[in-house]
Amino acid sequence: MGAPDHSGDPERHEGLDEEQVRRIALVGGLLLVVILALVFIVENSRQVPVSFVFFTADISLIWVIVLSMAVGGVLGVVVRRLVRRRILHRED
């Protein structure tokens, strides 16, 4: 007498179901992003001189990077809106 065969039983799950695999992949991906962000911050935490128009300041490199990204993002949105507005006015 052997063990009962449950190979066709839909209630029997071997391993993880699809939702569990997705959650594990999501948590793993988020963990990887957090670790990479922490390494990036630590590697770029040294002070660097930044020359503004009228003065120079020593600022942490990570802040220079973050502020440059923010300014670039804002300028990108503003330029896109100006170009879109100019194109719309030409069509009228």
PDB file of N, CA and C in Angstrom:
ATOM      1  N   MET A   1       0.835  -1.174   0.000  1.00  0.00           N
ATOM      2  CA  MET A   1       0.000   0.000   0.000  1.00  0.00           C
ATOM      3  C   MET A   1       0.881   1.239   0.000  1.00  0.00           C
ATOM      4  N   GLY A   2       0.782   2.021  -1.020  1.00  0.00           N
ATOM      5  CA  GLY A   2       1.564   3.229  -1.118  1.00  0.00           C
ATOM      6  C   GLY A   2       0.783   4.443  -0.678  1.00  0.00           C
ATOM      7  N   ALA A   3       1.432   5.586  -0.718  1.00  0.00           N
ATOM      8  CA  ALA A   3       0.783   6.849  -0.367  1.00  0.00           C
ATOM      9  C   ALA A   3      -0.239   7.199  -1.441  1.00  0.00           C
ATOM     10  N   PRO A   4      -1.317   7.869  -1.045  1.00  0.00           N
ATOM     11  CA  PRO A   4      -2.336   8.236  -2.037  1.00  0.00           C
ATOM     12  C   PRO A   4      -1.778   9.225  -3.053  1.00  0.00           C
ATOM     13  N   ASP A   5      -2.214   9.104  -4.277  1.00  0.00           N
ATOM     14  CA  ASP A   5      -1.760   9.985  -5.361  1.00  0.00           C
ATOM     15  C   ASP A   5      -2.651  11.229  -5.410  1.00  0.00           C
ATOM     16  N   HIS A   6      -2.049  12.388  -5.135  1.00  0.00           N
ATOM     17  CA  HIS A   6      -2.787  13.649  -5.157  1.00  0.00           C
ATOM     18  C   HIS A   6      -2.372  14.520  -6.344  1.00  0.00           C
ATOM     19  N   SER A   7      -1.795  13.921  -7.385  1.00  0.00           N
ATOM     20  CA  SER A   7      -1.237  14.714  -8.481  1.00  0.00           C
ATOM     21  C   SER A   7      -2.306  15.504  -9.236  1.00  0.00           C
ATOM     22  N   GLY A   8      -3.548  15.008  -9.278  1.00  0.00           N
ATOM     23  CA  GLY A   8      -4.592  15.732  -9.983  1.00  0.00           C
ATOM     24  C   GLY A   8      -5.439  16.593  -9.075  1.00  0.00           C
ATOM     25  N   ASP A   9      -5.122  16.661  -7.792  1.00  0.00           N
ATOM     26  CA  ASP A   9      -5.910  17.388  -6.795  1.00  0.00           C
ATOM     27  C   ASP A   9      -5.573  18.874  -6.857  1.00  0.00           C
ATOM     28  N   PRO A  10      -6.534  19.755  -7.229  1.00  0.00           N
ATOM     29  CA  PRO A  10      -6.224  21.191  -7.325  1.00  0.00           C
ATOM     30  C   PRO A  10      -5.978  21.834  -5.970  1.00  0.00           C
ATOM     31  N   GLU A  11      -6.395  21.221  -4.892  1.00  0.00           N
ATOM     32  CA  GLU A  11      -6.190  21.783  -3.555  1.00  0.00           C
ATOM     33  C   GLU A  11      -4.763  21.579  -3.066  1.00  0.00           C
ATOM     34  N   ARG A  12      -4.041  20.659  -3.659  1.00  0.00           N
ATOM     35  CA  ARG A  12      -2.682  20.351  -3.211  1.00  0.00           C
ATOM     36  C   ARG A  12      -1.706  21.271  -3.946  1.00  0.00           C
ATOM     37  N   HIS A  13      -0.884  21.991  -3.195  1.00  0.00           N
ATOM     38  CA  HIS A  13       0.085  22.923  -3.778  1.00  0.00           C
ATOM     39  C   HIS A  13       1.494  22.412  -3.510  1.00  0.00           C
ATOM     40  N   GLU A  14       2.274  22.361  -4.541  1.00  0.00           N
ATOM     41  CA  GLU A  14       3.683  22.016  -4.407  1.00  0.00           C
ATOM     42  C   GLU A  14       4.477  23.312  -4.358  1.00  0.00           C
ATOM     43  N   GLY A  15       5.146  23.616  -3.278  1.00  0.00           N
ATOM     44  CA  GLY A  15       5.948  24.825  -3.175  1.00  0.00           C
ATOM     45  C   GLY A  15       5.102  26.062  -2.960  1.00  0.00           C
ATOM     46  N   LEU A  16       5.443  27.125  -3.675  1.00  0.00           N
ATOM     47  CA  LEU A  16       4.785  28.419  -3.518  1.00  0.00           C
ATOM     48  C   LEU A  16       3.812  28.678  -4.657  1.00  0.00           C
ATOM     49  N   ASP A  17       2.734  29.386  -4.348  1.00  0.00           N
ATOM     50  CA  ASP A  17       1.823  29.760  -5.424  1.00  0.00           C
ATOM     51  C   ASP A  17       2.324  31.038  -6.091  1.00  0.00           C
ATOM     52  N   GLU A  18       1.666  31.447  -7.153  1.00  0.00           N
ATOM     53  CA  GLU A  18       2.127  32.576  -7.962  1.00  0.00           C
ATOM     54  C   GLU A  18       2.154  33.891  -7.172  1.00  0.00           C
ATOM     55  N   GLU A  19       1.162  34.124  -6.329  1.00  0.00           N
ATOM     56  CA  GLU A  19       1.101  35.351  -5.525  1.00  0.00           C
ATOM     57  C   GLU A  19       2.260  35.422  -4.536  1.00  0.00           C
ATOM     58  N   GLN A  20       2.600  34.304  -3.929  1.00  0.00           N
ATOM     59  CA  GLN A  20       3.723  34.280  -2.983  1.00  0.00           C
ATOM     60  C   GLN A  20       5.039  34.555  -3.702  1.00  0.00           C
ATOM     61  N   VAL A  21       5.203  33.999  -4.883  1.00  0.00           N
ATOM     62  CA  VAL A  21       6.423  34.229  -5.662  1.00  0.00           C
ATOM     63  C   VAL A  21       6.532  35.714  -6.017  1.00  0.00           C
ATOM     64  N   ARG A  22       5.407  36.342  -6.411  1.00  0.00           N
ATOM     65  CA  ARG A  22       5.419  37.777  -6.726  1.00  0.00           C
ATOM     66  C   ARG A  22       5.815  38.609  -5.508  1.00  0.00           C
ATOM     67  N   ARG A  23       5.251  38.262  -4.353  1.00  0.00           N
ATOM     68  CA  ARG A  23       5.582  39.022  -3.138  1.00  0.00           C
ATOM     69  C   ARG A  23       7.047  38.868  -2.764  1.00  0.00           C
ATOM     70  N   ILE A  24       7.562  37.660  -2.865  1.00  0.00           N
ATOM     71  CA  ILE A  24       8.979  37.442  -2.554  1.00  0.00           C
ATOM     72  C   ILE A  24       9.858  38.220  -3.525  1.00  0.00           C
ATOM     73  N   ALA A  25       9.507  38.216  -4.809  1.00  0.00           N
ATOM     74  CA  ALA A  25      10.282  38.965  -5.798  1.00  0.00           C
ATOM     75  C   ALA A  25      10.213  40.461  -5.529  1.00  0.00           C
ATOM     76  N   LEU A  26       9.026  40.964  -5.155  1.00  0.00           N
ATOM     77  CA  LEU A  26       8.867  42.389  -4.855  1.00  0.00           C
ATOM     78  C   LEU A  26       9.700  42.786  -3.639  1.00  0.00           C
ATOM     79  N   VAL A  27       9.623  42.001  -2.587  1.00  0.00           N
ATOM     80  CA  VAL A  27      10.397  42.299  -1.374  1.00  0.00           C
ATOM     81  C   VAL A  27      11.889  42.218  -1.674  1.00  0.00           C
ATOM     82  N   GLY A  28      12.303  41.216  -2.431  1.00  0.00           N
ATOM     83  CA  GLY A  28      13.716  41.095  -2.804  1.00  0.00           C
ATOM     84  C   GLY A  28      14.187  42.272  -3.630  1.00  0.00           C
ATOM     85  N   GLY A  29      13.363  42.701  -4.597  1.00  0.00           N
ATOM     86  CA  GLY A  29      13.724  43.850  -5.427  1.00  0.00           C
ATOM     87  C   GLY A  29      13.816  45.134  -4.621  1.00  0.00           C
ATOM     88  N   LEU A  30      12.841  45.338  -3.729  1.00  0.00           N
ATOM     89  CA  LEU A  30      12.870  46.535  -2.875  1.00  0.00           C
ATOM     90  C   LEU A  30      14.078  46.525  -1.951  1.00  0.00           C
ATOM     91  N   LEU A  31      14.396  45.361  -1.410  1.00  0.00           N
ATOM     92  CA  LEU A  31      15.563  45.242  -0.535  1.00  0.00           C
ATOM     93  C   LEU A  31      16.844  45.570  -1.300  1.00  0.00           C
ATOM     94  N   LEU A  32      16.938  45.099  -2.531  1.00  0.00           N
ATOM     95  CA  LEU A  32      18.101  45.396  -3.359  1.00  0.00           C
ATOM     96  C   LEU A  32      18.213  46.897  -3.641  1.00  0.00           C
ATOM     97  N   VAL A  33      17.094  47.560  -3.943  1.00  0.00           N
ATOM     98  CA  VAL A  33      17.100  49.003  -4.203  1.00  0.00           C
ATOM     99  C   VAL A  33      17.522  49.770  -2.949  1.00  0.00           C
ATOM    100  N   VAL A  34      17.021  49.370  -1.790  1.00  0.00           N
ATOM    101  CA  VAL A  34      17.382  50.044  -0.538  1.00  0.00           C
ATOM    102  C   VAL A  34      18.873  49.872  -0.253  1.00  0.00           C
ATOM    103  N   ILE A  35      19.396  48.671  -0.445  1.00  0.00           N
ATOM    104  CA  ILE A  35      20.828  48.431  -0.206  1.00  0.00           C
ATOM    105  C   ILE A  35      21.668  49.259  -1.162  1.00  0.00           C
ATOM    106  N   LEU A  36      21.286  49.282  -2.441  1.00  0.00           N
ATOM    107  CA  LEU A  36      22.040  50.091  -3.412  1.00  0.00           C
ATOM    108  C   LEU A  36      21.971  51.577  -3.085  1.00  0.00           C
ATOM    109  N   ALA A  37      20.806  52.057  -2.639  1.00  0.00           N
ATOM    110  CA  ALA A  37      20.675  53.464  -2.265  1.00  0.00           C
ATOM    111  C   ALA A  37      21.564  53.785  -1.071  1.00  0.00           C
ATOM    112  N   LEU A  38      21.594  52.908  -0.078  1.00  0.00           N
ATOM    113  CA  LEU A  38      22.450  53.141   1.096  1.00  0.00           C
ATOM    114  C   LEU A  38      23.921  53.158   0.713  1.00  0.00           C
ATOM    115  N   VAL A  39      24.342  52.234  -0.146  1.00  0.00           N
ATOM    116  CA  VAL A  39      25.737  52.217  -0.604  1.00  0.00           C
ATOM    117  C   VAL A  39      26.043  53.496  -1.377  1.00  0.00           C
ATOM    118  N   PHE A  40      25.118  53.935  -2.229  1.00  0.00           N
ATOM    119  CA  PHE A  40      25.303  55.164  -2.999  1.00  0.00           C
ATOM    120  C   PHE A  40      25.461  56.366  -2.071  1.00  0.00           C
ATOM    121  N   ILE A  41      24.633  56.438  -1.028  1.00  0.00           N
ATOM    122  CA  ILE A  41      24.704  57.556  -0.076  1.00  0.00           C
ATOM    123  C   ILE A  41      26.023  57.534   0.678  1.00  0.00           C
ATOM    124  N   VAL A  42      26.435  56.367   1.156  1.00  0.00           N
ATOM    125  CA  VAL A  42      27.686  56.263   1.917  1.00  0.00           C
ATOM    126  C   VAL A  42      28.884  56.610   1.039  1.00  0.00           C
ATOM    127  N   GLU A  43      28.875  56.124  -0.195  1.00  0.00           N
ATOM    128  CA  GLU A  43      29.996  56.389  -1.098  1.00  0.00           C
ATOM    129  C   GLU A  43      30.087  57.854  -1.513  1.00  0.00           C
ATOM    130  N   ASN A  44      28.982  58.577  -1.463  1.00  0.00           N
ATOM    131  CA  ASN A  44      28.963  59.975  -1.900  1.00  0.00           C
ATOM    132  C   ASN A  44      28.722  60.942  -0.749  1.00  0.00           C
ATOM    133  N   SER A  45      29.167  60.575   0.441  1.00  0.00           N
ATOM    134  CA  SER A  45      28.910  61.423   1.605  1.00  0.00           C
ATOM    135  C   SER A  45      30.042  62.405   1.901  1.00  0.00           C
ATOM    136  N   ARG A  46      31.115  62.367   1.150  1.00  0.00           N
ATOM    137  CA  ARG A  46      32.234  63.277   1.423  1.00  0.00           C
ATOM    138  C   ARG A  46      31.862  64.717   1.062  1.00  0.00           C
ATOM    139  N   GLN A  47      32.514  65.661   1.697  1.00  0.00           N
ATOM    140  CA  GLN A  47      32.284  67.087   1.455  1.00  0.00           C
ATOM    141  C   GLN A  47      33.044  67.521   0.202  1.00  0.00           C
ATOM    142  N   VAL A  48      32.376  68.291  -0.628  1.00  0.00           N
ATOM    143  CA  VAL A  48      33.011  68.832  -1.832  1.00  0.00           C
ATOM    144  C   VAL A  48      32.730  70.327  -1.895  1.00  0.00           C
ATOM    145  N   PRO A  49      33.676  71.099  -2.417  1.00  0.00           N
ATOM    146  CA  PRO A  49      33.414  72.531  -2.576  1.00  0.00           C
ATOM    147  C   PRO A  49      32.516  72.772  -3.791  1.00  0.00           C
ATOM    148  N   VAL A  50      31.482  73.569  -3.590  1.00  0.00           N
ATOM    149  CA  VAL A  50      30.576  73.922  -4.676  1.00  0.00           C
ATOM    150  C   VAL A  50      30.638  75.437  -4.831  1.00  0.00           C
ATOM    151  N   SER A  51      30.977  75.882  -6.039  1.00  0.00           N
ATOM    152  CA  SER A  51      31.114  77.304  -6.300  1.00  0.00           C
ATOM    153  C   SER A  51      29.811  77.840  -6.874  1.00  0.00           C
ATOM    154  N   PHE A  52      29.176  78.739  -6.109  1.00  0.00           N
ATOM    155  CA  PHE A  52      27.997  79.438  -6.581  1.00  0.00           C
ATOM    156  C   PHE A  52      28.483  80.752  -7.188  1.00  0.00           C
ATOM    157  N   VAL A  53      27.612  81.584  -7.644  1.00  0.00           N
ATOM    158  CA  VAL A  53      28.029  82.800  -8.332  1.00  0.00           C
ATOM    159  C   VAL A  53      28.820  83.722  -7.406  1.00  0.00           C
ATOM    160  N   PHE A  54      28.309  83.947  -6.187  1.00  0.00           N
ATOM    161  CA  PHE A  54      28.945  84.921  -5.299  1.00  0.00           C
ATOM    162  C   PHE A  54      29.681  84.307  -4.116  1.00  0.00           C
ATOM    163  N   PHE A  55      29.599  83.001  -3.936  1.00  0.00           N
ATOM    164  CA  PHE A  55      30.278  82.368  -2.799  1.00  0.00           C
ATOM    165  C   PHE A  55      30.522  80.892  -3.101  1.00  0.00           C
ATOM    166  N   THR A  56      31.357  80.284  -2.261  1.00  0.00           N
ATOM    167  CA  THR A  56      31.656  78.853  -2.355  1.00  0.00           C
ATOM    168  C   THR A  56      31.278  78.201  -1.041  1.00  0.00           C
ATOM    169  N   ALA A  57      30.701  77.009  -1.114  1.00  0.00           N
ATOM    170  CA  ALA A  57      30.296  76.293   0.097  1.00  0.00           C
ATOM    171  C   ALA A  57      30.753  74.842   0.006  1.00  0.00           C
ATOM    172  N   ASP A  58      31.092  74.263   1.141  1.00  0.00           N
ATOM    173  CA  ASP A  58      31.400  72.837   1.214  1.00  0.00           C
ATOM    174  C   ASP A  58      30.114  72.099   1.543  1.00  0.00           C
ATOM    175  N   ILE A  59      29.693  71.243   0.617  1.00  0.00           N
ATOM    176  CA  ILE A  59      28.436  70.523   0.743  1.00  0.00           C
ATOM    177  C   ILE A  59      28.708  69.043   0.514  1.00  0.00           C
ATOM    178  N   SER A  60      27.941  68.194   1.180  1.00  0.00           N
ATOM    179  CA  SER A  60      28.045  66.764   0.963  1.00  0.00           C
ATOM    180  C   SER A  60      27.687  66.447  -0.484  1.00  0.00           C
ATOM    181  N   LEU A  61      28.480  65.602  -1.120  1.00  0.00           N
ATOM    182  CA  LEU A  61      28.298  65.295  -2.536  1.00  0.00           C
ATOM    183  C   LEU A  61      26.909  64.723  -2.817  1.00  0.00           C
ATOM    184  N   ILE A  62      26.364  63.939  -1.911  1.00  0.00           N
ATOM    185  CA  ILE A  62      25.041  63.360  -2.139  1.00  0.00           C
ATOM    186  C   ILE A  62      23.983  64.453  -2.295  1.00  0.00           C
ATOM    187  N   TRP A  63      24.122  65.544  -1.521  1.00  0.00           N
ATOM    188  CA  TRP A  63      23.160  66.641  -1.643  1.00  0.00           C
ATOM    189  C   TRP A  63      23.318  67.378  -2.968  1.00  0.00           C
ATOM    190  N   VAL A  64      24.535  67.478  -3.441  1.00  0.00           N
ATOM    191  CA  VAL A  64      24.761  68.098  -4.751  1.00  0.00           C
ATOM    192  C   VAL A  64      24.069  67.269  -5.830  1.00  0.00           C
ATOM    193  N   ILE A  65      24.207  65.952  -5.733  1.00  0.00           N
ATOM    194  CA  ILE A  65      23.591  65.062  -6.714  1.00  0.00           C
ATOM    195  C   ILE A  65      22.066  65.156  -6.635  1.00  0.00           C
ATOM    196  N   VAL A  66      21.515  65.071  -5.430  1.00  0.00           N
ATOM    197  CA  VAL A  66      20.056  65.106  -5.254  1.00  0.00           C
ATOM    198  C   VAL A  66      19.481  66.444  -5.718  1.00  0.00           C
ATOM    199  N   LEU A  67      20.109  67.537  -5.329  1.00  0.00           N
ATOM    200  CA  LEU A  67      19.611  68.856  -5.740  1.00  0.00           C
ATOM    201  C   LEU A  67      19.729  69.054  -7.249  1.00  0.00           C
ATOM    202  N   SER A  68      20.797  68.540  -7.843  1.00  0.00           N
ATOM    203  CA  SER A  68      20.945  68.643  -9.304  1.00  0.00           C
ATOM    204  C   SER A  68      19.858  67.855 -10.016  1.00  0.00           C
ATOM    205  N   MET A  69      19.534  66.674  -9.489  1.00  0.00           N
ATOM    206  CA  MET A  69      18.451  65.876 -10.075  1.00  0.00           C
ATOM    207  C   MET A  69      17.110  66.588  -9.938  1.00  0.00           C
ATOM    208  N   ALA A  70      16.873  67.204  -8.781  1.00  0.00           N
ATOM    209  CA  ALA A  70      15.601  67.906  -8.557  1.00  0.00           C
ATOM    210  C   ALA A  70      15.481  69.108  -9.484  1.00  0.00           C
ATOM    211  N   VAL A  71      16.542  69.899  -9.594  1.00  0.00           N
ATOM    212  CA  VAL A  71      16.516  71.068 -10.476  1.00  0.00           C
ATOM    213  C   VAL A  71      16.334  70.624 -11.926  1.00  0.00           C
ATOM    214  N   GLY A  72      17.026  69.568 -12.325  1.00  0.00           N
ATOM    215  CA  GLY A  72      16.868  69.049 -13.684  1.00  0.00           C
ATOM    216  C   GLY A  72      15.451  68.566 -13.950  1.00  0.00           C
ATOM    217  N   GLY A  73      14.850  67.903 -12.975  1.00  0.00           N
ATOM    218  CA  GLY A  73      13.472  67.439 -13.132  1.00  0.00           C
ATOM    219  C   GLY A  73      12.500  68.585 -13.283  1.00  0.00           C
ATOM    220  N   VAL A  74      12.653  69.598 -12.445  1.00  0.00           N
ATOM    221  CA  VAL A  74      11.769  70.768 -12.522  1.00  0.00           C
ATOM    222  C   VAL A  74      11.959  71.489 -13.856  1.00  0.00           C
ATOM    223  N   LEU A  75      13.194  71.679 -14.269  1.00  0.00           N
ATOM    224  CA  LEU A  75      13.445  72.345 -15.556  1.00  0.00           C
ATOM    225  C   LEU A  75      12.884  71.521 -16.715  1.00  0.00           C
ATOM    226  N   GLY A  76      12.977  70.201 -16.628  1.00  0.00           N
ATOM    227  CA  GLY A  76      12.424  69.351 -17.670  1.00  0.00           C
ATOM    228  C   GLY A  76      10.922  69.520 -17.803  1.00  0.00           C
ATOM    229  N   VAL A  77      10.213  69.585 -16.675  1.00  0.00           N
ATOM    230  CA  VAL A  77       8.762  69.778 -16.692  1.00  0.00           C
ATOM    231  C   VAL A  77       8.423  71.152 -17.254  1.00  0.00           C
ATOM    232  N   VAL A  78       9.144  72.190 -16.829  1.00  0.00           N
ATOM    233  CA  VAL A  78       8.873  73.553 -17.301  1.00  0.00           C
ATOM    234  C   VAL A  78       9.117  73.657 -18.809  1.00  0.00           C
ATOM    235  N   VAL A  79      10.217  73.115 -19.288  1.00  0.00           N
ATOM    236  CA  VAL A  79      10.525  73.191 -20.718  1.00  0.00           C
ATOM    237  C   VAL A  79       9.488  72.414 -21.521  1.00  0.00           C
ATOM    238  N   ARG A  80       9.082  71.248 -21.035  1.00  0.00           N
ATOM    239  CA  ARG A  80       8.075  70.456 -21.743  1.00  0.00           C
ATOM    240  C   ARG A  80       6.766  71.224 -21.864  1.00  0.00           C
ATOM    241  N   ARG A  81       6.360  71.884 -20.791  1.00  0.00           N
ATOM    242  CA  ARG A  81       5.119  72.668 -20.832  1.00  0.00           C
ATOM    243  C   ARG A  81       5.234  73.852 -21.780  1.00  0.00           C
ATOM    244  N   LEU A  82       6.386  74.536 -21.760  1.00  0.00           N
ATOM    245  CA  LEU A  82       6.576  75.669 -22.670  1.00  0.00           C
ATOM    246  C   LEU A  82       6.547  75.226 -24.120  1.00  0.00           C
ATOM    247  N   VAL A  83       7.195  74.113 -24.422  1.00  0.00           N
ATOM    248  CA  VAL A  83       7.214  73.612 -25.802  1.00  0.00           C
ATOM    249  C   VAL A  83       5.813  73.186 -26.214  1.00  0.00           C
ATOM    250  N   ARG A  84       5.101  72.487 -25.334  1.00  0.00           N
ATOM    251  CA  ARG A  84       3.742  72.058 -25.652  1.00  0.00           C
ATOM    252  C   ARG A  84       2.837  73.261 -25.891  1.00  0.00           C
ATOM    253  N   ARG A  85       2.975  74.293 -25.056  1.00  0.00           N
ATOM    254  CA  ARG A  85       2.157  75.501 -25.211  1.00  0.00           C
ATOM    255  C   ARG A  85       2.472  76.191 -26.538  1.00  0.00           C
ATOM    256  N   ARG A  86       3.759  76.245 -26.887  1.00  0.00           N
ATOM    257  CA  ARG A  86       4.159  76.898 -28.140  1.00  0.00           C
ATOM    258  C   ARG A  86       3.609  76.127 -29.342  1.00  0.00           C
ATOM    259  N   ILE A  87       3.636  74.794 -29.278  1.00  0.00           N
ATOM    260  CA  ILE A  87       3.106  73.980 -30.371  1.00  0.00           C
ATOM    261  C   ILE A  87       1.605  74.171 -30.489  1.00  0.00           C
ATOM    262  N   LEU A  88       0.896  74.215 -29.366  1.00  0.00           N
ATOM    263  CA  LEU A  88      -0.552  74.401 -29.401  1.00  0.00           C
ATOM    264  C   LEU A  88      -0.928  75.763 -29.961  1.00  0.00           C
ATOM    265  N   HIS A  89      -0.163  76.802 -29.655  1.00  0.00           N
ATOM    266  CA  HIS A  89      -0.463  78.146 -30.164  1.00  0.00           C
ATOM    267  C   HIS A  89      -0.179  78.245 -31.665  1.00  0.00           C
ATOM    268  N   ARG A  90       0.783  77.488 -32.167  1.00  0.00           N
ATOM    269  CA  ARG A  90       1.072  77.515 -33.605  1.00  0.00           C
ATOM    270  C   ARG A  90      -0.059  76.873 -34.396  1.00  0.00           C
ATOM    271  N   GLU A  91      -0.703  75.861 -33.811  1.00  0.00           N
ATOM    272  CA  GLU A  91      -1.767  75.165 -34.520  1.00  0.00           C
ATOM    273  C   GLU A  91      -3.033  76.001 -34.603  1.00  0.00           C
ATOM    274  N   ASP A  92      -3.211  76.995 -33.733  1.00  0.00           N
ATOM    275  CA  ASP A  92      -4.426  77.830 -33.723  1.00  0.00           C
ATOM    276  C   ASP A  92      -4.444  78.864 -34.801  1.00  0.00           C
TER     277      ASP A  92
END
